[in-house]
Each structure stands twice: as C-alpha cells, then as structure tokens.
PDB file of N, CA and C in Angstrom:
ATOM      1  N   UNK A   1      52.785 351.213 269.360  1.00  0.00           N
ATOM      2  CA  UNK A   1      53.872 351.530 270.872  1.00  0.00           C
ATOM      3  C   UNK A   1      53.589 350.524 271.777  1.00  0.00           C
ATOM      4  N   UNK A   2      55.108 349.985 272.065  1.00  0.00           N
ATOM      5  CA  UNK A   2      54.844 349.166 273.290  1.00  0.00           C
ATOM      6  C   UNK A   2      54.686 349.020 274.592  1.00  0.00           C
ATOM      7  N   UNK A   3      54.133 348.507 275.278  1.00  0.00           N
ATOM      8  CA  UNK A   3      53.936 349.003 276.340  1.00  0.00           C
ATOM      9  C   UNK A   3      55.052 348.825 277.267  1.00  0.00           C
ATOM     10  N   UNK A   4      55.423 349.386 278.388  1.00  0.00           N
ATOM     11  CA  UNK A   4      56.983 349.249 278.536  1.00  0.00           C
ATOM     12  C   UNK A   4      57.088 348.672 279.703  1.00  0.00           C
ATOM     13  N   UNK A   5      55.888 348.294 280.788  1.00  0.00           N
ATOM     14  CA  UNK A   5      56.166 346.960 281.866  1.00  0.00           C
ATOM     15  C   UNK A   5      55.522 345.564 280.904  1.00  0.00           C
ATOM     16  N   UNK A   6      55.214 345.279 280.211  1.00  0.00           N
ATOM     17  CA  UNK A   6      55.052 343.670 279.697  1.00  0.00           C
ATOM     18  C   UNK A   6      55.441 343.483 278.603  1.00  0.00           C
ATOM     19  N   UNK A   7      55.963 344.295 277.902  1.00  0.00           N
ATOM     20  CA  UNK A   7      57.049 344.049 276.637  1.00  0.00           C
ATOM     21  C   UNK A   7      56.101 344.093 275.508  1.00  0.00           C
ATOM     22  N   UNK A   8      54.655 344.190 275.473  1.00  0.00           N
ATOM     23  CA  UNK A   8      53.652 343.445 275.044  1.00  0.00           C
ATOM     24  C   UNK A   8      53.594 341.964 274.592  1.00  0.00           C
ATOM     25  N   UNK A   9      53.547 341.684 275.658  1.00  0.00           N
ATOM     26  CA  UNK A   9      53.381 339.962 276.641  1.00  0.00           C
ATOM     27  C   UNK A   9      51.509 340.412 277.128  1.00  0.00           C
ATOM     28  N   UNK A  10      51.141 340.954 277.252  1.00  0.00           N
ATOM     29  CA  UNK A  10      49.528 341.423 278.085  1.00  0.00           C
ATOM     30  C   UNK A  10      49.830 340.884 279.532  1.00  0.00           C
ATOM     31  N   UNK A  11      50.695 340.359 279.503  1.00  0.00           N
ATOM     32  CA  UNK A  11      51.019 339.835 281.174  1.00  0.00           C
ATOM     33  C   UNK A  11      52.117 339.817 281.756  1.00  0.00           C
ATOM     34  N   UNK A  12      51.553 340.381 283.750  1.00  0.00           N
ATOM     35  CA  UNK A  12      52.372 341.303 284.416  1.00  0.00           C
ATOM     36  C   UNK A  12      53.245 340.112 284.678  1.00  0.00           C
ATOM     37  N   UNK A  13      54.306 341.069 285.438  1.00  0.00           N
ATOM     38  CA  UNK A  13      55.850 340.092 285.693  1.00  0.00           C
ATOM     39  C   UNK A  13      55.500 339.085 286.600  1.00  0.00           C
ATOM     40  N   UNK A  14      54.446 339.125 287.595  1.00  0.00           N
ATOM     41  CA  UNK A  14      54.554 337.386 288.152  1.00  0.00           C
ATOM     42  C   UNK A  14      54.206 336.611 287.595  1.00  0.00           C
ATOM     43  N   UNK A  15      53.157 337.062 286.542  1.00  0.00           N
ATOM     44  CA  UNK A  15      52.645 335.618 285.751  1.00  0.00           C
ATOM     45  C   UNK A  15      53.918 335.397 284.872  1.00  0.00           C
ATOM     46  N   UNK A  16      54.675 336.313 284.291  1.00  0.00           N
ATOM     47  CA  UNK A  16      55.681 335.659 283.333  1.00  0.00           C
ATOM     48  C   UNK A  16      56.597 335.520 284.357  1.00  0.00           C
ATOM     49  N   UNK A  17      56.767 335.653 285.709  1.00  0.00           N
ATOM     50  CA  UNK A  17      58.362 334.992 286.276  1.00  0.00           C
ATOM     51  C   UNK A  17      57.533 333.068 286.538  1.00  0.00           C
ATOM     52  N   UNK A  18      56.716 332.862 285.656  1.00  0.00           N
ATOM     53  CA  UNK A  18      56.105 331.622 286.003  1.00  0.00           C
ATOM     54  C   UNK A  18      56.253 330.357 284.982  1.00  0.00           C
ATOM     55  N   UNK A  19      57.617 329.520 285.125  1.00  0.00           N
ATOM     56  CA  UNK A  19      57.808 329.028 283.986  1.00  0.00           C
ATOM     57  C   UNK A  19      57.591 327.278 284.188  1.00  0.00           C
ATOM     58  N   UNK A  20      57.632 326.260 282.921  1.00  0.00           N
ATOM     59  CA  UNK A  20      57.276 325.234 282.787  1.00  0.00           C
ATOM     60  C   UNK A  20      58.422 325.062 281.979  1.00  0.00           C
ATOM     61  N   UNK A  21      59.084 324.149 281.858  1.00  0.00           N
ATOM     62  CA  UNK A  21      60.436 323.687 280.780  1.00  0.00           C
ATOM     63  C   UNK A  21      60.902 324.933 280.264  1.00  0.00           C
ATOM     64  N   UNK A  22      60.783 326.473 281.180  1.00  0.00           N
ATOM     65  CA  UNK A  22      61.937 327.321 280.821  1.00  0.00           C
ATOM     66  C   UNK A  22      61.138 328.109 280.118  1.00  0.00           C
ATOM     67  N   UNK A  23      59.490 328.043 279.928  1.00  0.00           N
ATOM     68  CA  UNK A  23      59.041 328.650 279.124  1.00  0.00           C
ATOM     69  C   UNK A  23      58.114 329.144 280.043  1.00  0.00           C
ATOM     70  N   UNK A  24      57.760 330.869 279.706  1.00  0.00           N
ATOM     71  CA  UNK A  24      56.317 331.272 280.381  1.00  0.00           C
ATOM     72  C   UNK A  24      55.291 331.444 279.946  1.00  0.00           C
ATOM     73  N   UNK A  25      53.712 331.476 280.044  1.00  0.00           N
ATOM     74  CA  UNK A  25      52.844 331.802 279.318  1.00  0.00           C
ATOM     75  C   UNK A  25      53.328 332.425 278.273  1.00  0.00           C
ATOM     76  N   UNK A  26      53.926 333.385 277.858  1.00  0.00           N
ATOM     77  CA  UNK A  26      53.935 333.930 276.984  1.00  0.00           C
ATOM     78  C   UNK A  26      54.415 333.118 275.807  1.00  0.00           C
ATOM     79  N   UNK A  27      55.790 332.370 275.865  1.00  0.00           N
ATOM     80  CA  UNK A  27      56.835 331.976 275.257  1.00  0.00           C
ATOM     81  C   UNK A  27      55.664 330.361 274.757  1.00  0.00           C
ATOM     82  N   UNK A  28      54.838 330.050 275.406  1.00  0.00           N
ATOM     83  CA  UNK A  28      54.079 329.034 275.033  1.00  0.00           C
ATOM     84  C   UNK A  28      53.123 329.093 274.012  1.00  0.00           C
ATOM     85  N   UNK A  29      51.959 329.898 274.074  1.00  0.00           N
ATOM     86  CA  UNK A  29      51.380 331.274 273.378  1.00  0.00           C
ATOM     87  C   UNK A  29      51.879 331.330 271.953  1.00  0.00           C
ATOM     88  N   UNK A  30      53.441 331.832 271.996  1.00  0.00           N
ATOM     89  CA  UNK A  30      53.950 331.875 270.713  1.00  0.00           C
ATOM     90  C   UNK A  30      54.549 330.719 270.282  1.00  0.00           C
ATOM     91  N   UNK A  31      54.427 330.049 270.248  1.00  0.00           N
ATOM     92  CA  UNK A  31      54.772 328.516 270.326  1.00  0.00           C
ATOM     93  C   UNK A  31      53.987 328.663 269.138  1.00  0.00           C
ATOM     94  N   UNK A  32      54.728 327.579 267.763  1.00  0.00           N
ATOM     95  CA  UNK A  32      54.008 326.825 267.210  1.00  0.00           C
ATOM     96  C   UNK A  32      53.296 325.354 267.385  1.00  0.00           C
ATOM     97  N   UNK A  33      52.127 325.445 266.528  1.00  0.00           N
ATOM     98  CA  UNK A  33      51.404 324.300 267.237  1.00  0.00           C
ATOM     99  C   UNK A  33      52.515 322.898 266.891  1.00  0.00           C
ATOM    100  N   UNK A  34      52.983 322.596 265.859  1.00  0.00           N
ATOM    101  CA  UNK A  34      53.789 322.029 265.632  1.00  0.00           C
ATOM    102  C   UNK A  34      54.686 321.660 267.068  1.00  0.00           C
ATOM    103  N   UNK A  35      55.768 322.706 267.086  1.00  0.00           N
ATOM    104  CA  UNK A  35      56.134 322.432 268.506  1.00  0.00           C
ATOM    105  C   UNK A  35      55.779 322.348 269.572  1.00  0.00           C
ATOM    106  N   UNK A  36      54.905 322.570 270.187  1.00  0.00           N
ATOM    107  CA  UNK A  36      53.987 322.543 271.451  1.00  0.00           C
ATOM    108  C   UNK A  36      53.945 320.631 271.292  1.00  0.00           C
ATOM    109  N   UNK A  37      53.977 320.782 270.248  1.00  0.00           N
ATOM    110  CA  UNK A  37      53.468 319.115 269.962  1.00  0.00           C
ATOM    111  C   UNK A  37      54.358 318.149 271.406  1.00  0.00           C
ATOM    112  N   UNK A  38      56.018 318.689 270.727  1.00  0.00           N
ATOM    113  CA  UNK A  38      57.019 318.005 271.706  1.00  0.00           C
ATOM    114  C   UNK A  38      57.489 318.394 273.163  1.00  0.00           C
ATOM    115  N   UNK A  39      56.465 319.781 272.865  1.00  0.00           N
ATOM    116  CA  UNK A  39      57.019 320.261 274.274  1.00  0.00           C
ATOM    117  C   UNK A  39      55.562 319.848 275.359  1.00  0.00           C
ATOM    118  N   UNK A  40      54.643 319.895 275.216  1.00  0.00           N
ATOM    119  CA  UNK A  40      53.564 318.873 276.023  1.00  0.00           C
ATOM    120  C   UNK A  40      53.266 317.327 275.975  1.00  0.00           C
ATOM    121  N   UNK A  41      54.559 316.836 275.403  1.00  0.00           N
ATOM    122  CA  UNK A  41      54.416 315.105 275.010  1.00  0.00           C
ATOM    123  C   UNK A  41      53.901 314.383 276.471  1.00  0.00           C
ATOM    124  N   UNK A  42      53.732 314.742 277.558  1.00  0.00           N
ATOM    125  CA  UNK A  42      53.647 314.154 278.937  1.00  0.00           C
ATOM    126  C   UNK A  42      51.814 314.352 279.185  1.00  0.00           C
ATOM    127  N   UNK A  43      51.188 315.013 278.139  1.00  0.00           N
ATOM    128  CA  UNK A  43      50.171 315.863 278.268  1.00  0.00           C
ATOM    129  C   UNK A  43      48.898 315.545 277.573  1.00  0.00           C
ATOM    130  N   UNK A  44      49.056 314.080 277.401  1.00  0.00           N
ATOM    131  CA  UNK A  44      48.002 313.391 276.330  1.00  0.00           C
ATOM    132  C   UNK A  44      46.555 314.262 276.035  1.00  0.00           C
ATOM    133  N   UNK A  45      45.763 314.714 277.005  1.00  0.00           N
ATOM    134  CA  UNK A  45      44.662 315.372 276.199  1.00  0.00           C
ATOM    135  C   UNK A  45      45.428 316.634 275.848  1.00  0.00           C
ATOM    136  N   UNK A  46      46.259 317.526 276.130  1.00  0.00           N
ATOM    137  CA  UNK A  46      46.959 318.452 274.966  1.00  0.00           C
ATOM    138  C   UNK A  46      47.420 317.909 273.769  1.00  0.00           C
ATOM    139  N   UNK A  47      48.342 316.914 273.763  1.00  0.00           N
ATOM    140  CA  UNK A  47      48.422 316.179 271.989  1.00  0.00           C
ATOM    141  C   UNK A  47      47.313 315.817 271.319  1.00  0.00           C
ATOM    142  N   UNK A  48      46.413 315.937 272.359  1.00  0.00           N
ATOM    143  CA  UNK A  48      44.715 315.685 271.854  1.00  0.00           C
ATOM    144  C   UNK A  48      44.960 316.244 270.370  1.00  0.00           C
ATOM    145  N   UNK A  49      44.472 317.639 271.091  1.00  0.00           N
ATOM    146  CA  UNK A  49      43.694 318.378 270.480  1.00  0.00           C
ATOM    147  C   UNK A  49      45.012 319.064 269.540  1.00  0.00           C
ATOM    148  N   UNK A  50      46.507 319.602 269.931  1.00  0.00           N
ATOM    149  CA  UNK A  50      47.024 319.663 269.097  1.00  0.00           C
ATOM    150  C   UNK A  50      47.738 319.003 267.765  1.00  0.00           C
ATOM    151  N   UNK A  51      47.444 317.501 268.286  1.00  0.00           N
ATOM    152  CA  UNK A  51      47.218 316.751 267.280  1.00  0.00           C
ATOM    153  C   UNK A  51      46.415 316.360 266.027  1.00  0.00           C
ATOM    154  N   UNK A  52      45.343 317.065 266.829  1.00  0.00           N
ATOM    155  CA  UNK A  52      43.662 317.234 265.593  1.00  0.00           C
ATOM    156  C   UNK A  52      43.628 319.377 264.964  1.00  0.00           C
ATOM    157  N   UNK A  53      44.763 319.571 265.671  1.00  0.00           N
ATOM    158  CA  UNK A  53      44.810 320.984 264.617  1.00  0.00           C
ATOM    159  C   UNK A  53      46.195 320.881 263.737  1.00  0.00           C
ATOM    160  N   UNK A  54      47.579 319.678 263.778  1.00  0.00           N
ATOM    161  CA  UNK A  54      48.277 319.148 262.591  1.00  0.00           C
ATOM    162  C   UNK A  54      47.929 318.404 261.370  1.00  0.00           C
ATOM    163  N   UNK A  55      46.758 317.968 262.245  1.00  0.00           N
ATOM    164  CA  UNK A  55      45.638 316.912 260.891  1.00  0.00           C
ATOM    165  C   UNK A  55      44.857 317.753 259.874  1.00  0.00           C
ATOM    166  N   UNK A  56      44.860 319.386 260.653  1.00  0.00           N
ATOM    167  CA  UNK A  56      44.375 320.095 259.795  1.00  0.00           C
ATOM    168  C   UNK A  56      44.857 321.130 258.779  1.00  0.00           C
ATOM    169  N   UNK A  57      46.162 320.608 259.315  1.00  0.00           N
ATOM    170  CA  UNK A  57      47.207 321.899 258.437  1.00  0.00           C
ATOM    171  C   UNK A  57      47.202 323.022 259.349  1.00  0.00           C
ATOM    172  N   UNK A  58      46.992 323.134 260.040  1.00  0.00           N
ATOM    173  CA  UNK A  58      47.477 324.442 261.495  1.00  0.00           C
ATOM    174  C   UNK A  58      48.470 323.675 262.094  1.00  0.00           C
ATOM    175  N   UNK A  59      49.083 323.536 261.684  1.00  0.00           N
ATOM    176  CA  UNK A  59      50.801 322.936 263.050  1.00  0.00           C
ATOM    177  C   UNK A  59      51.164 324.462 262.629  1.00  0.00           C
ATOM    178  N   UNK A  60      51.179 324.983 261.173  1.00  0.00           N
ATOM    179  CA  UNK A  60      52.043 326.140 261.462  1.00  0.00           C
ATOM    180  C   UNK A  60      51.838 327.256 262.527  1.00  0.00           C
ATOM    181  N   UNK A  61      50.746 327.664 262.565  1.00  0.00           N
ATOM    182  CA  UNK A  61      50.233 328.532 263.595  1.00  0.00           C
ATOM    183  C   UNK A  61      50.287 328.462 265.482  1.00  0.00           C
ATOM    184  N   UNK A  62      50.547 329.822 265.570  1.00  0.00           N
ATOM    185  CA  UNK A  62      50.939 329.830 267.294  1.00  0.00           C
ATOM    186  C   UNK A  62      50.013 329.345 267.938  1.00  0.00           C
ATOM    187  N   UNK A  63      50.453 328.737 268.905  1.00  0.00           N
ATOM    188  CA  UNK A  63      49.544 328.337 270.458  1.00  0.00           C
ATOM    189  C   UNK A  63      47.939 328.778 270.530  1.00  0.00           C
ATOM    190  N   UNK A  64      48.278 330.496 270.271  1.00  0.00           N
ATOM    191  CA  UNK A  64      47.838 331.269 271.046  1.00  0.00           C
ATOM    192  C   UNK A  64      47.464 332.325 269.929  1.00  0.00           C
ATOM    193  N   UNK A  65      47.144 331.696 268.574  1.00  0.00           N
ATOM    194  CA  UNK A  65      46.858 332.385 267.255  1.00  0.00           C
ATOM    195  C   UNK A  65      44.860 332.254 267.850  1.00  0.00           C
ATOM    196  N   UNK A  66      43.970 333.063 267.015  1.00  0.00           N
ATOM    197  CA  UNK A  66      42.738 332.982 266.894  1.00  0.00           C
ATOM    198  C   UNK A  66      42.452 332.533 265.690  1.00  0.00           C
ATOM    199  N   UNK A  67      40.925 332.342 265.828  1.00  0.00           N
ATOM    200  CA  UNK A  67      40.786 332.008 264.682  1.00  0.00           C
ATOM    201  C   UNK A  67      40.957 332.955 263.418  1.00  0.00           C
ATOM    202  N   UNK A  68      40.848 333.969 263.792  1.00  0.00           N
ATOM    203  CA  UNK A  68      40.676 335.086 263.055  1.00  0.00           C
ATOM    204  C   UNK A  68      42.401 335.385 261.982  1.00  0.00           C
ATOM    205  N   UNK A  69      43.024 334.898 262.822  1.00  0.00           N
ATOM    206  CA  UNK A  69      44.203 334.432 262.566  1.00  0.00           C
ATOM    207  C   UNK A  69      44.852 333.473 261.759  1.00  0.00           C
ATOM    208  N   UNK A  70      43.779 332.485 261.789  1.00  0.00           N
ATOM    209  CA  UNK A  70      44.011 331.406 260.526  1.00  0.00           C
ATOM    210  C   UNK A  70      43.074 331.776 258.997  1.00  0.00           C
ATOM    211  N   UNK A  71      42.240 332.940 259.042  1.00  0.00           N
ATOM    212  CA  UNK A  71      41.658 332.682 257.860  1.00  0.00           C
ATOM    213  C   UNK A  71      42.870 333.729 257.027  1.00  0.00           C
ATOM    214  N   UNK A  72      42.833 333.149 255.846  1.00  0.00           N
ATOM    215  CA  UNK A  72      43.826 332.942 254.691  1.00  0.00           C
ATOM    216  C   UNK A  72      43.050 333.806 253.400  1.00  0.00           C
ATOM    217  N   UNK A  73      42.900 335.232 253.335  1.00  0.00           N
ATOM    218  CA  UNK A  73      41.735 335.618 252.160  1.00  0.00           C
ATOM    219  C   UNK A  73      42.742 335.919 250.568  1.00  0.00           C
TER     220      UNK A  73
END
C-alpha cells in the first residue's frame, strides 16, 4: 500500500517542494548514477564519487540505492 501523503517517496510535501534544476530529492535519489554525472556537472566532489561508481560498473544503479540493491545473486 502506498502512503497517500508522500506517494511512496518517504518525504513530506515541504521537502519535496525544494528543487534543484527542476528535480526534488526524491527525483535525484531515483536518478541513475550515469545520469547524475551530467546533472551534478558543476560539483567536482560529487562527480568524483559518481565517476568512481561508474568505473566499477555501477552506473546503472539509482543514486539512492543501498548496498543491498547492488548484490546480484
């Protein structure tokens, strides 16, 4: 069952109202790492981390993925 207030994002409306480049925190966390590289192009510290994840083949994962999401059995 999906929460009617947050629609499954786990963030309240005040938090979701804050955006950067038209995306809120939920949108950013759902973004693929390979897409986030371009989105955060002006932030070298973030790019360094994202590129490291890309270098080890994790570009397909969402920014908000946990370590459990990366395990493939």
